[in-house]
Amino acid sequence: MSKDTDRKAVDRRSFFRGLSGAAVVAGAAATTGLSTAPAQATETKNERTKARYKETEHVKTFYRTNKY
């Protein structure tokens, strides 16, 4: 018997199932090196209390054209 006939044939579904499983394992291995510490904001007190919304001309135009 030849070596080719002894091997189990891999059908298309099992090939793609194995391929997707390998991608999951590779993705998990890549993310384990990342830090999981939460991000810290670096806003000062003045930045936290400043007014953020400004009704400029383009905002007024948006409201007018969209009938808000």
C-alpha atoms as a PDB file:
ATOM      1  CA  MET A   1       0.000   0.000   0.000  1.00  0.00           C
ATOM      2  CA  SER A   2       1.149   3.472  -0.749  1.00  0.00           C
ATOM      3  CA  LYS A   3       1.374   6.300   1.733  1.00  0.00           C
ATOM      4  CA  ASP A   4      -1.411   8.271   0.024  1.00  0.00           C
ATOM      5  CA  THR A   5      -4.051   5.579   0.458  1.00  0.00           C
ATOM      6  CA  ASP A   6      -3.285   5.192   4.172  1.00  0.00           C
ATOM      7  CA  ARG A   7      -4.061   8.825   4.959  1.00  0.00           C
ATOM      8  CA  LYS A   8      -7.560   9.785   5.959  1.00  0.00           C
ATOM      9  CA  ALA A   9      -9.146  12.085   3.392  1.00  0.00           C
ATOM     10  CA  VAL A  10     -10.010  15.524   4.735  1.00  0.00           C
ATOM     11  CA  ASP A  11     -13.294  16.842   3.467  1.00  0.00           C
ATOM     12  CA  ARG A  12     -13.913  20.504   2.855  1.00  0.00           C
ATOM     13  CA  ARG A  13     -15.942  21.186   6.004  1.00  0.00           C
ATOM     14  CA  SER A  14     -13.442  19.669   8.375  1.00  0.00           C
ATOM     15  CA  PHE A  15     -10.627  21.549   6.654  1.00  0.00           C
ATOM     16  CA  PHE A  16     -12.328  24.920   7.192  1.00  0.00           C
ATOM     17  CA  ARG A  17     -13.363  23.969  10.734  1.00  0.00           C
ATOM     18  CA  GLY A  18      -9.740  23.235  11.549  1.00  0.00           C
ATOM     19  CA  LEU A  19      -8.631  26.431   9.855  1.00  0.00           C
ATOM     20  CA  SER A  20     -11.046  28.542  11.919  1.00  0.00           C
ATOM     21  CA  GLY A  21      -9.971  26.757  15.100  1.00  0.00           C
ATOM     22  CA  ALA A  22      -6.357  27.596  14.352  1.00  0.00           C
ATOM     23  CA  ALA A  23      -7.291  31.245  13.836  1.00  0.00           C
ATOM     24  CA  VAL A  24      -8.988  31.370  17.239  1.00  0.00           C
ATOM     25  CA  VAL A  25      -5.948  29.865  18.926  1.00  0.00           C
ATOM     26  CA  ALA A  26      -3.627  32.305  17.156  1.00  0.00           C
ATOM     27  CA  GLY A  27      -5.816  35.254  18.134  1.00  0.00           C
ATOM     28  CA  ALA A  28      -5.913  34.160  21.757  1.00  0.00           C
ATOM     29  CA  ALA A  29      -2.149  33.766  21.810  1.00  0.00           C
ATOM     30  CA  ALA A  30      -1.684  37.244  20.348  1.00  0.00           C
ATOM     31  CA  THR A  31      -3.910  38.953  22.925  1.00  0.00           C
ATOM     32  CA  THR A  32      -2.372  37.388  26.024  1.00  0.00           C
ATOM     33  CA  GLY A  33       0.591  39.741  25.858  1.00  0.00           C
ATOM     34  CA  LEU A  34      -1.567  42.881  26.007  1.00  0.00           C
ATOM     35  CA  SER A  35      -2.107  44.696  29.278  1.00  0.00           C
ATOM     36  CA  THR A  36      -5.601  44.661  30.703  1.00  0.00           C
ATOM     37  CA  ALA A  37      -5.284  47.782  32.870  1.00  0.00           C
ATOM     38  CA  PRO A  38      -8.104  50.297  32.371  1.00  0.00           C
ATOM     39  CA  ALA A  39      -7.298  53.509  30.539  1.00  0.00           C
ATOM     40  CA  GLN A  40      -6.830  56.594  32.660  1.00  0.00           C
ATOM     41  CA  ALA A  41      -8.164  59.974  31.571  1.00  0.00           C
ATOM     42  CA  THR A  42      -5.715  62.862  31.704  1.00  0.00           C
ATOM     43  CA  GLU A  43      -8.208  65.737  31.847  1.00  0.00           C
ATOM     44  CA  THR A  44      -7.534  68.649  34.109  1.00  0.00           C
ATOM     45  CA  LYS A  45     -10.227  70.262  36.239  1.00  0.00           C
ATOM     46  CA  ASN A  46     -10.599  73.115  33.734  1.00  0.00           C
ATOM     47  CA  GLU A  47     -11.070  70.674  30.849  1.00  0.00           C
ATOM     48  CA  ARG A  48     -13.766  68.767  32.736  1.00  0.00           C
ATOM     49  CA  THR A  49     -15.790  71.899  33.464  1.00  0.00           C
ATOM     50  CA  LYS A  50     -15.462  73.705  30.126  1.00  0.00           C
ATOM     51  CA  ALA A  51     -18.411  74.008  27.793  1.00  0.00           C
ATOM     52  CA  ARG A  52     -18.141  71.412  25.025  1.00  0.00           C
ATOM     53  CA  TYR A  53     -21.219  72.061  22.957  1.00  0.00           C
ATOM     54  CA  LYS A  54     -21.198  75.102  20.730  1.00  0.00           C
ATOM     55  CA  GLU A  55     -24.062  75.986  18.465  1.00  0.00           C
ATOM     56  CA  THR A  56     -22.064  77.136  15.448  1.00  0.00           C
ATOM     57  CA  GLU A  57     -23.404  78.062  12.028  1.00  0.00           C
ATOM     58  CA  HIS A  58     -22.980  74.582  10.599  1.00  0.00           C
ATOM     59  CA  VAL A  59     -24.851  73.111  13.593  1.00  0.00           C
ATOM     60  CA  LYS A  60     -27.677  75.608  13.074  1.00  0.00           C
ATOM     61  CA  THR A  61     -27.750  74.709   9.375  1.00  0.00           C
ATOM     62  CA  PHE A  62     -27.955  71.019  10.252  1.00  0.00           C
ATOM     63  CA  TYR A  63     -30.870  71.650  12.603  1.00  0.00           C
ATOM     64  CA  ARG A  64     -32.638  73.804  10.045  1.00  0.00           C
ATOM     65  CA  THR A  65     -32.260  71.348   7.157  1.00  0.00           C
ATOM     66  CA  ASN A  66     -33.274  68.356   9.267  1.00  0.00           C
ATOM     67  CA  LYS A  67     -36.165  70.209  10.903  1.00  0.00           C
ATOM     68  CA  TYR A  68     -35.079  69.780  14.496  1.00  0.00           C
END
